[in-house]
Structure formats: C-alpha cells, structure tokens
Amino acid sequence: MNIDLVDYIELVRDQMIFAGMSSGFTSEETVRLSKKLDTLLNLQMKILSN
C-alpha cells in the first residue's frame, strides 16, 4: 500500500476531528471532510483487496 495514502488519510481524519470539535459534528466542513475520508478509506480497501 502506498504510504502517502495512509498519511493523507490520517491528515484528513485529523482535519475532520478538528472541524467537528470547533464547528460541530454536523457543520458543512465536518460533513465534507467525513465524505472525503470515506472516499479515501474505500480507495484504501480497494487497494488492499487486490
């Protein structure tokens, strides 16, 4: 697996947590980052399954 993807997932996860704590868990920014994280995690799972 590409280590850059893992690092990027961690970065987006940290950003999402920060957004959730500062703006609320249902803020547009938190939801946007959550969706982005979901996409990245799905990509990671696809890579791992091959």
C-alpha atoms as a PDB file:
ATOM      1  CA  MET A   1       0.000   0.000   0.000  1.00  0.00           C
ATOM      2  CA  ASN A   2       1.139   3.495  -0.732  1.00  0.00           C
ATOM      3  CA  ILE A   3       2.335   5.176   2.471  1.00  0.00           C
ATOM      4  CA  ASP A   4       1.333   8.551   1.054  1.00  0.00           C
ATOM      5  CA  LEU A   5      -2.295   7.416   1.031  1.00  0.00           C
ATOM      6  CA  VAL A   6      -2.063   6.362   4.672  1.00  0.00           C
ATOM      7  CA  ASP A   7      -0.543   9.726   5.595  1.00  0.00           C
ATOM      8  CA  TYR A   8      -3.244  11.565   3.647  1.00  0.00           C
ATOM      9  CA  ILE A   9      -5.984   9.551   5.366  1.00  0.00           C
ATOM     10  CA  GLU A  10      -4.510  10.497   8.750  1.00  0.00           C
ATOM     11  CA  LEU A  11      -4.332  14.162   7.731  1.00  0.00           C
ATOM     12  CA  VAL A  12      -7.963  14.258   6.593  1.00  0.00           C
ATOM     13  CA  ARG A  13      -9.035  12.369   9.741  1.00  0.00           C
ATOM     14  CA  ASP A  14      -7.265  14.936  11.935  1.00  0.00           C
ATOM     15  CA  GLN A  15      -8.837  17.793   9.979  1.00  0.00           C
ATOM     16  CA  MET A  16     -12.284  16.230  10.343  1.00  0.00           C
ATOM     17  CA  ILE A  17     -11.866  15.803  14.101  1.00  0.00           C
ATOM     18  CA  PHE A  18     -10.704  19.410  14.454  1.00  0.00           C
ATOM     19  CA  ALA A  19     -13.628  20.652  12.350  1.00  0.00           C
ATOM     20  CA  GLY A  20     -16.068  18.595  14.379  1.00  0.00           C
ATOM     21  CA  MET A  21     -14.737  19.888  17.675  1.00  0.00           C
ATOM     22  CA  SER A  22     -14.614  23.528  16.574  1.00  0.00           C
ATOM     23  CA  SER A  23     -17.582  23.835  14.208  1.00  0.00           C
ATOM     24  CA  GLY A  24     -19.838  20.992  15.274  1.00  0.00           C
ATOM     25  CA  PHE A  25     -20.287  17.475  14.011  1.00  0.00           C
ATOM     26  CA  THR A  26     -22.981  18.465  11.519  1.00  0.00           C
ATOM     27  CA  SER A  27     -21.213  21.535  10.073  1.00  0.00           C
ATOM     28  CA  GLU A  28     -20.713  21.649   6.307  1.00  0.00           C
ATOM     29  CA  GLU A  29     -16.927  21.433   6.721  1.00  0.00           C
ATOM     30  CA  THR A  30     -17.092  18.393   9.009  1.00  0.00           C
ATOM     31  CA  VAL A  31     -19.517  16.581   6.706  1.00  0.00           C
ATOM     32  CA  ARG A  32     -17.387  17.421   3.646  1.00  0.00           C
ATOM     33  CA  LEU A  33     -14.270  16.053   5.339  1.00  0.00           C
ATOM     34  CA  SER A  34     -16.169  12.973   6.504  1.00  0.00           C
ATOM     35  CA  LYS A  35     -17.221  12.226   2.928  1.00  0.00           C
ATOM     36  CA  LYS A  36     -13.668  12.779   1.719  1.00  0.00           C
ATOM     37  CA  LEU A  37     -12.375  10.416   4.405  1.00  0.00           C
ATOM     38  CA  ASP A  38     -14.956   7.792   3.387  1.00  0.00           C
ATOM     39  CA  THR A  39     -13.760   8.018  -0.212  1.00  0.00           C
ATOM     40  CA  LEU A  40     -10.126   7.649   0.830  1.00  0.00           C
ATOM     41  CA  LEU A  41     -10.886   4.693   3.099  1.00  0.00           C
ATOM     42  CA  ASN A  42     -12.845   2.996   0.303  1.00  0.00           C
ATOM     43  CA  LEU A  43      -9.872   3.523  -2.004  1.00  0.00           C
ATOM     44  CA  GLN A  44      -7.544   2.030   0.609  1.00  0.00           C
ATOM     45  CA  MET A  45      -9.777  -1.013   0.979  1.00  0.00           C
ATOM     46  CA  LYS A  46      -9.925  -1.438  -2.808  1.00  0.00           C
ATOM     47  CA  ILE A  47      -6.117  -1.341  -2.994  1.00  0.00           C
ATOM     48  CA  LEU A  48      -5.780  -3.822  -0.138  1.00  0.00           C
ATOM     49  CA  SER A  49      -8.242  -6.269  -1.677  1.00  0.00           C
ATOM     50  CA  ASN A  50      -6.252  -6.537  -4.925  1.00  0.00           C
END
